[in-house]
């Protein structure tokens, strides 16, 4: 996770940076079994979860709309950022 939250919100860009870091780690150590496995496992997980971030006409920053309590009410909150 990019930052701790309870419950976890699974920030998309944080996970993508982890994959880039694992790729770099794999390249630096010359493709050890450990680094290859970590990279492949992360890519496999990414392929499975990426669809959850697709909200149709936009993508979600995180999965808080699925993990936070207001999800139970069926309300979808789209975050907005202040300049």
PDB file of N, CA and C in Angstrom:
ATOM      1  N   UNK A   1       0.831  -1.179   0.000  1.00  0.00           N
ATOM      2  CA  UNK A   1       0.000   0.000   0.000  1.00  0.00           C
ATOM      3  C   UNK A   1       0.879   1.248   0.000  1.00  0.00           C
ATOM      4  N   UNK A   2       0.390   2.259  -0.669  1.00  0.00           N
ATOM      5  CA  UNK A   2       1.131   3.522  -0.736  1.00  0.00           C
ATOM      6  C   UNK A   2       1.188   4.195   0.632  1.00  0.00           C
ATOM      7  N   UNK A   3       0.111   4.105   1.389  1.00  0.00           N
ATOM      8  CA  UNK A   3       0.062   4.677   2.725  1.00  0.00           C
ATOM      9  C   UNK A   3      -0.904   3.848   3.555  1.00  0.00           C
ATOM     10  N   UNK A   4      -0.691   3.806   4.882  1.00  0.00           N
ATOM     11  CA  UNK A   4      -1.559   2.986   5.725  1.00  0.00           C
ATOM     12  C   UNK A   4      -2.943   3.603   5.874  1.00  0.00           C
ATOM     13  N   UNK A   5      -3.932   2.771   5.874  1.00  0.00           N
ATOM     14  CA  UNK A   5      -5.310   3.197   6.117  1.00  0.00           C
ATOM     15  C   UNK A   5      -6.055   2.006   6.707  1.00  0.00           C
ATOM     16  N   UNK A   6      -7.019   2.289   7.534  1.00  0.00           N
ATOM     17  CA  UNK A   6      -7.820   1.226   8.132  1.00  0.00           C
ATOM     18  C   UNK A   6      -9.282   1.562   7.952  1.00  0.00           C
ATOM     19  N   UNK A   7      -9.988   0.862   7.112  1.00  0.00           N
ATOM     20  CA  UNK A   7      -9.544  -0.274   6.299  1.00  0.00           C
ATOM     21  C   UNK A   7      -8.675   0.193   5.130  1.00  0.00           C
ATOM     22  N   UNK A   8      -7.916  -0.730   4.537  1.00  0.00           N
ATOM     23  CA  UNK A   8      -7.047  -0.363   3.408  1.00  0.00           C
ATOM     24  C   UNK A   8      -7.856   0.164   2.225  1.00  0.00           C
ATOM     25  N   UNK A   9      -7.251   1.108   1.479  1.00  0.00           N
ATOM     26  CA  UNK A   9      -7.953   1.681   0.331  1.00  0.00           C
ATOM     27  C   UNK A   9      -7.329   1.291  -1.012  1.00  0.00           C
ATOM     28  N   UNK A  10      -6.136   0.712  -1.001  1.00  0.00           N
ATOM     29  CA  UNK A  10      -5.492   0.178  -2.204  1.00  0.00           C
ATOM     30  C   UNK A  10      -5.358   1.220  -3.324  1.00  0.00           C
ATOM     31  N   UNK A  11      -4.508   2.193  -3.090  1.00  0.00           N
ATOM     32  CA  UNK A  11      -4.260   3.265  -4.047  1.00  0.00           C
ATOM     33  C   UNK A  11      -3.591   2.704  -5.301  1.00  0.00           C
ATOM     34  N   UNK A  12      -4.152   3.010  -6.460  1.00  0.00           N
ATOM     35  CA  UNK A  12      -3.685   2.438  -7.721  1.00  0.00           C
ATOM     36  C   UNK A  12      -2.264   2.853  -8.067  1.00  0.00           C
ATOM     37  N   UNK A  13      -1.960   4.137  -8.025  1.00  0.00           N
ATOM     38  CA  UNK A  13      -0.617   4.555  -8.426  1.00  0.00           C
ATOM     39  C   UNK A  13       0.447   4.021  -7.470  1.00  0.00           C
ATOM     40  N   UNK A  14       0.111   3.834  -6.209  1.00  0.00           N
ATOM     41  CA  UNK A  14       1.054   3.250  -5.267  1.00  0.00           C
ATOM     42  C   UNK A  14       1.419   1.830  -5.658  1.00  0.00           C
ATOM     43  N   UNK A  15       0.431   1.062  -6.072  1.00  0.00           N
ATOM     44  CA  UNK A  15       0.691  -0.321  -6.493  1.00  0.00           C
ATOM     45  C   UNK A  15       1.499  -0.354  -7.785  1.00  0.00           C
ATOM     46  N   UNK A  16       1.219   0.569  -8.673  1.00  0.00           N
ATOM     47  CA  UNK A  16       1.969   0.619  -9.930  1.00  0.00           C
ATOM     48  C   UNK A  16       3.441   0.966  -9.677  1.00  0.00           C
ATOM     49  N   UNK A  17       3.701   1.851  -8.715  1.00  0.00           N
ATOM     50  CA  UNK A  17       5.088   2.179  -8.373  1.00  0.00           C
ATOM     51  C   UNK A  17       5.803   0.983  -7.745  1.00  0.00           C
ATOM     52  N   UNK A  18       5.077   0.171  -6.998  1.00  0.00           N
ATOM     53  CA  UNK A  18       5.666  -1.054  -6.446  1.00  0.00           C
ATOM     54  C   UNK A  18       6.115  -1.974  -7.582  1.00  0.00           C
ATOM     55  N   UNK A  19       5.284  -2.130  -8.594  1.00  0.00           N
ATOM     56  CA  UNK A  19       5.644  -2.988  -9.724  1.00  0.00           C
ATOM     57  C   UNK A  19       6.884  -2.453 -10.433  1.00  0.00           C
ATOM     58  N   UNK A  20       6.962  -1.147 -10.616  1.00  0.00           N
ATOM     59  CA  UNK A  20       8.150  -0.551 -11.235  1.00  0.00           C
ATOM     60  C   UNK A  20       9.382  -0.812 -10.371  1.00  0.00           C
ATOM     61  N   UNK A  21       9.234  -0.678  -9.053  1.00  0.00           N
ATOM     62  CA  UNK A  21      10.340  -0.948  -8.143  1.00  0.00           C
ATOM     63  C   UNK A  21      10.786  -2.398  -8.195  1.00  0.00           C
ATOM     64  N   UNK A  22       9.833  -3.319  -8.279  1.00  0.00           N
ATOM     65  CA  UNK A  22      10.185  -4.736  -8.391  1.00  0.00           C
ATOM     66  C   UNK A  22      10.887  -5.032  -9.711  1.00  0.00           C
ATOM     67  N   UNK A  23      10.449  -4.372 -10.775  1.00  0.00           N
ATOM     68  CA  UNK A  23      11.115  -4.532 -12.064  1.00  0.00           C
ATOM     69  C   UNK A  23      12.573  -4.053 -11.959  1.00  0.00           C
ATOM     70  N   UNK A  24      12.756  -2.865 -11.372  1.00  0.00           N
ATOM     71  CA  UNK A  24      14.116  -2.333 -11.208  1.00  0.00           C
ATOM     72  C   UNK A  24      14.972  -3.260 -10.351  1.00  0.00           C
ATOM     73  N   UNK A  25      14.410  -3.747  -9.252  1.00  0.00           N
ATOM     74  CA  UNK A  25      15.127  -4.660  -8.368  1.00  0.00           C
ATOM     75  C   UNK A  25      15.553  -5.910  -9.128  1.00  0.00           C
ATOM     76  N   UNK A  26      14.642  -6.443  -9.914  1.00  0.00           N
ATOM     77  CA  UNK A  26      14.938  -7.631 -10.717  1.00  0.00           C
ATOM     78  C   UNK A  26      16.085  -7.365 -11.691  1.00  0.00           C
ATOM     79  N   UNK A  27      16.084  -6.188 -12.313  1.00  0.00           N
ATOM     80  CA  UNK A  27      17.152  -5.835 -13.254  1.00  0.00           C
ATOM     81  C   UNK A  27      18.497  -5.670 -12.551  1.00  0.00           C
ATOM     82  N   UNK A  28      18.505  -5.059 -11.387  1.00  0.00           N
ATOM     83  CA  UNK A  28      19.744  -4.792 -10.656  1.00  0.00           C
ATOM     84  C   UNK A  28      20.410  -6.091 -10.199  1.00  0.00           C
ATOM     85  N   UNK A  29      19.623  -7.039  -9.728  1.00  0.00           N
ATOM     86  CA  UNK A  29      20.204  -8.288  -9.206  1.00  0.00           C
ATOM     87  C   UNK A  29      20.359  -9.354 -10.278  1.00  0.00           C
ATOM     88  N   UNK A  30      20.017  -9.026 -11.491  1.00  0.00           N
ATOM     89  CA  UNK A  30      20.224  -9.972 -12.582  1.00  0.00           C
ATOM     90  C   UNK A  30      19.170 -11.047 -12.705  1.00  0.00           C
ATOM     91  N   UNK A  31      17.980 -10.791 -12.238  1.00  0.00           N
ATOM     92  CA  UNK A  31      16.874 -11.725 -12.434  1.00  0.00           C
ATOM     93  C   UNK A  31      16.951 -12.976 -11.583  1.00  0.00           C
ATOM     94  N   UNK A  32      17.111 -12.806 -10.266  1.00  0.00           N
ATOM     95  CA  UNK A  32      17.130 -13.969  -9.376  1.00  0.00           C
ATOM     96  C   UNK A  32      15.743 -14.590  -9.308  1.00  0.00           C
ATOM     97  N   UNK A  33      15.665 -15.817  -8.825  1.00  0.00           N
ATOM     98  CA  UNK A  33      14.371 -16.491  -8.692  1.00  0.00           C
ATOM     99  C   UNK A  33      13.433 -15.717  -7.777  1.00  0.00           C
ATOM    100  N   UNK A  34      13.982 -15.138  -6.720  1.00  0.00           N
ATOM    101  CA  UNK A  34      13.163 -14.390  -5.764  1.00  0.00           C
ATOM    102  C   UNK A  34      12.574 -13.146  -6.414  1.00  0.00           C
ATOM    103  N   UNK A  35      13.396 -12.373  -7.113  1.00  0.00           N
ATOM    104  CA  UNK A  35      12.895 -11.134  -7.713  1.00  0.00           C
ATOM    105  C   UNK A  35      11.964 -11.414  -8.880  1.00  0.00           C
ATOM    106  N   UNK A  36      12.268 -12.420  -9.670  1.00  0.00           N
ATOM    107  CA  UNK A  36      11.362 -12.784 -10.776  1.00  0.00           C
ATOM    108  C   UNK A  36      10.005 -13.201 -10.243  1.00  0.00           C
ATOM    109  N   UNK A  37      10.010 -13.999  -9.184  1.00  0.00           N
ATOM    110  CA  UNK A  37       8.758 -14.467  -8.593  1.00  0.00           C
ATOM    111  C   UNK A  37       7.946 -13.303  -8.023  1.00  0.00           C
ATOM    112  N   UNK A  38       8.607 -12.392  -7.309  1.00  0.00           N
ATOM    113  CA  UNK A  38       7.909 -11.235  -6.741  1.00  0.00           C
ATOM    114  C   UNK A  38       7.305 -10.370  -7.838  1.00  0.00           C
ATOM    115  N   UNK A  39       8.062 -10.146  -8.902  1.00  0.00           N
ATOM    116  CA  UNK A  39       7.573  -9.339 -10.019  1.00  0.00           C
ATOM    117  C   UNK A  39       6.399 -10.026 -10.714  1.00  0.00           C
ATOM    118  N   UNK A  40       6.528 -11.307 -10.997  1.00  0.00           N
ATOM    119  CA  UNK A  40       5.447 -12.030 -11.680  1.00  0.00           C
ATOM    120  C   UNK A  40       4.185 -12.103 -10.816  1.00  0.00           C
ATOM    121  N   UNK A  41       4.352 -12.324  -9.508  1.00  0.00           N
ATOM    122  CA  UNK A  41       3.190 -12.351  -8.612  1.00  0.00           C
ATOM    123  C   UNK A  41       2.485 -11.000  -8.587  1.00  0.00           C
ATOM    124  N   UNK A  42       3.266  -9.925  -8.555  1.00  0.00           N
ATOM    125  CA  UNK A  42       2.683  -8.582  -8.539  1.00  0.00           C
ATOM    126  C   UNK A  42       1.947  -8.274  -9.836  1.00  0.00           C
ATOM    127  N   UNK A  43       2.538  -8.656 -10.963  1.00  0.00           N
ATOM    128  CA  UNK A  43       1.871  -8.438 -12.252  1.00  0.00           C
ATOM    129  C   UNK A  43       0.598  -9.267 -12.359  1.00  0.00           C
ATOM    130  N   UNK A  44       0.639 -10.487 -11.856  1.00  0.00           N
ATOM    131  CA  UNK A  44      -0.552 -11.340 -11.873  1.00  0.00           C
ATOM    132  C   UNK A  44      -1.676 -10.713 -11.042  1.00  0.00           C
ATOM    133  N   UNK A  45      -1.329 -10.216  -9.857  1.00  0.00           N
ATOM    134  CA  UNK A  45      -2.329  -9.550  -9.007  1.00  0.00           C
ATOM    135  C   UNK A  45      -2.870  -8.300  -9.686  1.00  0.00           C
ATOM    136  N   UNK A  46      -1.987  -7.528 -10.318  1.00  0.00           N
ATOM    137  CA  UNK A  46      -2.404  -6.312 -11.006  1.00  0.00           C
ATOM    138  C   UNK A  46      -3.434  -6.623 -12.096  1.00  0.00           C
ATOM    139  N   UNK A  47      -3.176  -7.669 -12.852  1.00  0.00           N
ATOM    140  CA  UNK A  47      -4.119  -8.052 -13.920  1.00  0.00           C
ATOM    141  C   UNK A  47      -5.487  -8.420 -13.346  1.00  0.00           C
ATOM    142  N   UNK A  48      -5.497  -8.994 -12.161  1.00  0.00           N
ATOM    143  CA  UNK A  48      -6.758  -9.401 -11.532  1.00  0.00           C
ATOM    144  C   UNK A  48      -7.522  -8.223 -10.946  1.00  0.00           C
ATOM    145  N   UNK A  49      -6.824  -7.212 -10.437  1.00  0.00           N
ATOM    146  CA  UNK A  49      -7.511  -6.133  -9.727  1.00  0.00           C
ATOM    147  C   UNK A  49      -7.767  -4.879 -10.553  1.00  0.00           C
ATOM    148  N   UNK A  50      -7.087  -4.720 -11.677  1.00  0.00           N
ATOM    149  CA  UNK A  50      -7.180  -3.467 -12.424  1.00  0.00           C
ATOM    150  C   UNK A  50      -8.620  -3.124 -12.823  1.00  0.00           C
ATOM    151  N   UNK A  51      -9.422  -4.111 -13.102  1.00  0.00           N
ATOM    152  CA  UNK A  51     -10.810  -3.869 -13.493  1.00  0.00           C
ATOM    153  C   UNK A  51     -11.644  -3.206 -12.408  1.00  0.00           C
ATOM    154  N   UNK A  52     -11.276  -3.402 -11.150  1.00  0.00           N
ATOM    155  CA  UNK A  52     -12.024  -2.781 -10.056  1.00  0.00           C
ATOM    156  C   UNK A  52     -11.881  -1.261 -10.054  1.00  0.00           C
ATOM    157  N   UNK A  53     -10.824  -0.744 -10.653  1.00  0.00           N
ATOM    158  CA  UNK A  53     -10.586   0.707 -10.702  1.00  0.00           C
ATOM    159  C   UNK A  53     -11.326   1.371 -11.861  1.00  0.00           C
ATOM    160  N   UNK A  54     -11.890   0.592 -12.742  1.00  0.00           N
ATOM    161  CA  UNK A  54     -12.593   1.118 -13.914  1.00  0.00           C
ATOM    162  C   UNK A  54     -14.022   1.490 -13.522  1.00  0.00           C
ATOM    163  N   UNK A  55     -14.317   2.783 -13.557  1.00  0.00           N
ATOM    164  CA  UNK A  55     -15.651   3.265 -13.201  1.00  0.00           C
ATOM    165  C   UNK A  55     -16.451   3.677 -14.440  1.00  0.00           C
ATOM    166  N   UNK A  56     -16.065   3.159 -15.577  1.00  0.00           N
ATOM    167  CA  UNK A  56     -16.773   3.480 -16.813  1.00  0.00           C
ATOM    168  C   UNK A  56     -16.099   4.608 -17.543  1.00  0.00           C
ATOM    169  N   UNK A  57     -16.515   5.829 -17.255  1.00  0.00           N
ATOM    170  CA  UNK A  57     -15.947   6.972 -17.968  1.00  0.00           C
ATOM    171  C   UNK A  57     -14.719   7.562 -17.274  1.00  0.00           C
ATOM    172  N   UNK A  58     -14.342   7.017 -16.116  1.00  0.00           N
ATOM    173  CA  UNK A  58     -13.151   7.463 -15.415  1.00  0.00           C
ATOM    174  C   UNK A  58     -12.600   6.318 -14.586  1.00  0.00           C
ATOM    175  N   UNK A  59     -11.405   6.509 -14.065  1.00  0.00           N
ATOM    176  CA  UNK A  59     -10.830   5.475 -13.211  1.00  0.00           C
ATOM    177  C   UNK A  59     -10.775   5.986 -11.776  1.00  0.00           C
ATOM    178  N   UNK A  60     -10.816   5.060 -10.853  1.00  0.00           N
ATOM    179  CA  UNK A  60     -10.784   5.405  -9.445  1.00  0.00           C
ATOM    180  C   UNK A  60      -9.341   5.525  -8.978  1.00  0.00           C
ATOM    181  N   UNK A  61      -9.078   6.479  -8.116  1.00  0.00           N
ATOM    182  CA  UNK A  61      -7.755   6.673  -7.525  1.00  0.00           C
ATOM    183  C   UNK A  61      -7.403   5.505  -6.608  1.00  0.00           C
ATOM    184  N   UNK A  62      -8.418   5.002  -5.923  1.00  0.00           N
ATOM    185  CA  UNK A  62      -8.228   3.891  -5.000  1.00  0.00           C
ATOM    186  C   UNK A  62      -9.516   3.077  -4.933  1.00  0.00           C
ATOM    187  N   UNK A  63      -9.542   2.110  -4.024  1.00  0.00           N
ATOM    188  CA  UNK A  63     -10.734   1.269  -3.897  1.00  0.00           C
ATOM    189  C   UNK A  63     -11.522   1.589  -2.628  1.00  0.00           C
ATOM    190  N   UNK A  64     -11.392   2.820  -2.145  1.00  0.00           N
ATOM    191  CA  UNK A  64     -12.112   3.194  -0.927  1.00  0.00           C
ATOM    192  C   UNK A  64     -13.621   3.066  -1.108  1.00  0.00           C
ATOM    193  N   UNK A  65     -14.094   3.213  -2.330  1.00  0.00           N
ATOM    194  CA  UNK A  65     -15.534   3.066  -2.570  1.00  0.00           C
ATOM    195  C   UNK A  65     -15.990   1.631  -2.330  1.00  0.00           C
ATOM    196  N   UNK A  66     -15.057   0.697  -2.230  1.00  0.00           N
ATOM    197  CA  UNK A  66     -15.393  -0.692  -1.928  1.00  0.00           C
ATOM    198  C   UNK A  66     -15.062  -1.059  -0.485  1.00  0.00           C
ATOM    199  N   UNK A  67     -14.091  -0.371   0.124  1.00  0.00           N
ATOM    200  CA  UNK A  67     -13.596  -0.802   1.430  1.00  0.00           C
ATOM    201  C   UNK A  67     -14.084   0.034   2.603  1.00  0.00           C
ATOM    202  N   UNK A  68     -14.514   1.273   2.365  1.00  0.00           N
ATOM    203  CA  UNK A  68     -14.945   2.124   3.471  1.00  0.00           C
ATOM    204  C   UNK A  68     -16.415   1.890   3.803  1.00  0.00           C
ATOM    205  N   UNK A  69     -16.795   2.190   5.037  1.00  0.00           N
ATOM    206  CA  UNK A  69     -18.163   1.875   5.493  1.00  0.00           C
ATOM    207  C   UNK A  69     -19.289   2.440   4.646  1.00  0.00           C
ATOM    208  N   UNK A  70     -19.111   3.643   4.043  1.00  0.00           N
ATOM    209  CA  UNK A  70     -20.218   4.209   3.274  1.00  0.00           C
ATOM    210  C   UNK A  70     -20.526   3.384   2.034  1.00  0.00           C
ATOM    211  N   UNK A  71     -19.655   2.462   1.642  1.00  0.00           N
ATOM    212  CA  UNK A  71     -19.926   1.572   0.507  1.00  0.00           C
ATOM    213  C   UNK A  71     -21.175   0.756   0.771  1.00  0.00           C
ATOM    214  N   UNK A  72     -21.374   0.395   2.006  1.00  0.00           N
ATOM    215  CA  UNK A  72     -22.530  -0.433   2.353  1.00  0.00           C
ATOM    216  C   UNK A  72     -23.850   0.267   2.024  1.00  0.00           C
ATOM    217  N   UNK A  73     -23.815   1.600   2.000  1.00  0.00           N
ATOM    218  CA  UNK A  73     -25.032   2.338   1.686  1.00  0.00           C
ATOM    219  C   UNK A  73     -25.306   2.387   0.185  1.00  0.00           C
ATOM    220  N   UNK A  74     -24.350   1.916  -0.614  1.00  0.00           N
ATOM    221  CA  UNK A  74     -24.510   1.949  -2.060  1.00  0.00           C
ATOM    222  C   UNK A  74     -24.091   3.257  -2.683  1.00  0.00           C
ATOM    223  N   UNK A  75     -23.624   4.191  -1.855  1.00  0.00           N
ATOM    224  CA  UNK A  75     -23.221   5.507  -2.353  1.00  0.00           C
ATOM    225  C   UNK A  75     -21.821   5.436  -2.964  1.00  0.00           C
ATOM    226  N   UNK A  76     -21.652   5.995  -4.129  1.00  0.00           N
ATOM    227  CA  UNK A  76     -20.340   6.076  -4.769  1.00  0.00           C
ATOM    228  C   UNK A  76     -19.847   7.504  -4.653  1.00  0.00           C
ATOM    229  N   UNK A  77     -18.746   7.673  -3.966  1.00  0.00           N
ATOM    230  CA  UNK A  77     -18.167   9.002  -3.812  1.00  0.00           C
ATOM    231  C   UNK A  77     -16.968   9.113  -4.727  1.00  0.00           C
ATOM    232  N   UNK A  78     -16.968  10.117  -5.553  1.00  0.00           N
ATOM    233  CA  UNK A  78     -15.836  10.380  -6.416  1.00  0.00           C
ATOM    234  C   UNK A  78     -15.045  11.508  -5.796  1.00  0.00           C
ATOM    235  N   UNK A  79     -13.780  11.248  -5.424  1.00  0.00           N
ATOM    236  CA  UNK A  79     -13.013  12.292  -4.757  1.00  0.00           C
ATOM    237  C   UNK A  79     -12.701  13.453  -5.692  1.00  0.00           C
ATOM    238  N   UNK A  80     -12.565  14.628  -5.121  1.00  0.00           N
ATOM    239  CA  UNK A  80     -12.121  15.787  -5.891  1.00  0.00           C
ATOM    240  C   UNK A  80     -11.009  16.449  -5.087  1.00  0.00           C
ATOM    241  N   UNK A  81     -10.150  17.106  -5.782  1.00  0.00           N
ATOM    242  CA  UNK A  81      -8.977  17.691  -5.158  1.00  0.00           C
ATOM    243  C   UNK A  81      -9.048  19.200  -5.223  1.00  0.00           C
ATOM    244  N   UNK A  82      -8.606  19.841  -4.129  1.00  0.00           N
ATOM    245  CA  UNK A  82      -8.568  21.300  -4.088  1.00  0.00           C
ATOM    246  C   UNK A  82      -7.252  21.787  -4.709  1.00  0.00           C
ATOM    247  N   UNK A  83      -7.312  22.875  -5.437  1.00  0.00           N
ATOM    248  CA  UNK A  83      -6.073  23.412  -6.007  1.00  0.00           C
ATOM    249  C   UNK A  83      -5.153  23.957  -4.951  1.00  0.00           C
TER     250      UNK A  83
END
